[in-house]
């Protein structure tokens, strides 16, 4: 077991335009990111516009966590150059 760096790059994504109670009415990305350590994982990209212009393949990302409860935090990713990713 080892600690992951939290760095990744955008491998693939779709933009979902269907409303969801936990995402509101705005479009949201469903993405596959490639961690710096090699594995890929499904997640969401947050902290940037949910458009093809903003979501560029291979863009550098940094992990952020969304608290769902006192015991559960979901990993999501934000562009590495954004204030949330810095």
Protein backbone atom coordinates (compact mmCIF):
# COMPACT_ATOMS: atom_id res chain seq x y z
CA UNK A 1 0.00 0.00 0.00
CA UNK A 2 1.19 3.55 -0.75
CA UNK A 3 -0.12 7.10 -0.64
CA UNK A 4 -1.21 8.47 -4.01
CA UNK A 5 -0.02 11.96 -5.02
CA UNK A 6 -3.47 13.25 -5.97
CA UNK A 7 -2.18 14.23 -9.42
CA UNK A 8 -3.89 12.95 -12.55
CA UNK A 9 -4.69 13.77 -16.16
CA UNK A 10 -8.01 13.70 -17.97
CA UNK A 11 -8.26 10.47 -19.97
CA UNK A 12 -11.88 10.59 -21.18
CA UNK A 13 -15.23 12.21 -20.32
CA UNK A 14 -18.83 12.89 -21.25
CA UNK A 15 -20.90 15.90 -20.28
CA UNK A 16 -24.23 14.87 -18.79
CA UNK A 17 -26.99 17.42 -19.39
CA UNK A 18 -29.70 15.48 -17.54
CA UNK A 19 -30.53 16.98 -14.13
CA UNK A 20 -29.62 15.03 -10.99
CA UNK A 21 -30.69 15.90 -7.43
CA UNK A 22 -27.10 15.84 -6.16
CA UNK A 23 -25.72 17.97 -9.04
CA UNK A 24 -28.59 20.40 -9.56
CA UNK A 25 -29.74 21.57 -12.97
CA UNK A 26 -26.28 22.32 -14.39
CA UNK A 27 -24.45 19.95 -16.76
CA UNK A 28 -21.72 17.87 -15.12
CA UNK A 29 -18.86 15.76 -16.35
CA UNK A 30 -18.50 12.04 -15.88
CA UNK A 31 -14.82 11.38 -16.39
CA UNK A 32 -12.09 8.79 -16.38
CA UNK A 33 -8.81 10.15 -15.05
CA UNK A 34 -5.40 8.52 -15.15
CA UNK A 35 -3.63 8.87 -11.84
CA UNK A 36 0.06 9.84 -11.87
CA UNK A 37 0.77 6.39 -10.42
CA UNK A 38 -0.87 4.68 -13.43
CA UNK A 39 -4.35 3.41 -12.49
CA UNK A 40 -7.47 4.95 -13.99
CA UNK A 41 -10.61 5.80 -12.09
CA UNK A 42 -14.10 7.14 -12.78
CA UNK A 43 -14.90 10.48 -11.16
CA UNK A 44 -16.23 13.98 -11.86
CA UNK A 45 -14.34 17.11 -12.91
CA UNK A 46 -15.29 20.15 -10.82
CA UNK A 47 -14.11 23.73 -10.49
CA UNK A 48 -14.27 24.62 -14.19
CA UNK A 49 -16.88 25.10 -16.93
CA UNK A 50 -18.41 21.85 -18.09
CA UNK A 51 -17.67 22.43 -21.77
CA UNK A 52 -15.44 20.71 -24.33
CA UNK A 53 -13.34 23.89 -24.49
CA UNK A 54 -12.54 23.69 -20.77
CA UNK A 55 -12.27 19.90 -20.48
CA UNK A 56 -9.22 19.12 -22.59
CA UNK A 57 -7.92 15.56 -22.79
CA UNK A 58 -4.58 15.08 -20.97
CA UNK A 59 -5.12 18.28 -18.95
CA UNK A 60 -3.39 18.09 -15.55
CA UNK A 61 -5.74 17.57 -12.61
CA UNK A 62 -5.52 17.59 -8.83
CA UNK A 63 -7.75 15.68 -6.41
CA UNK A 64 -10.26 17.42 -4.17
CA UNK A 65 -12.71 15.75 -1.82
CA UNK A 66 -16.46 16.33 -1.46
CA UNK A 67 -17.74 15.43 1.99
CA UNK A 68 -20.96 13.42 1.78
CA UNK A 69 -21.14 12.61 5.49
CA UNK A 70 -18.89 12.49 8.54
CA UNK A 71 -17.54 9.17 7.26
CA UNK A 72 -17.61 9.50 3.47
CA UNK A 73 -15.67 11.87 1.20
CA UNK A 74 -15.76 11.40 -2.58
CA UNK A 75 -12.64 12.10 -4.64
CA UNK A 76 -13.28 14.50 -7.50
CA UNK A 77 -10.76 16.32 -9.66
CA UNK A 78 -10.20 19.94 -10.56
CA UNK A 79 -7.81 21.51 -13.09
CA UNK A 80 -4.34 21.68 -11.52
CA UNK A 81 -3.96 25.34 -12.50
CA UNK A 82 -7.22 26.47 -10.86
CA UNK A 83 -7.22 28.04 -7.38
CA UNK A 84 -8.97 24.93 -5.97
CA UNK A 85 -6.28 22.72 -7.52
CA UNK A 86 -3.31 24.83 -6.45
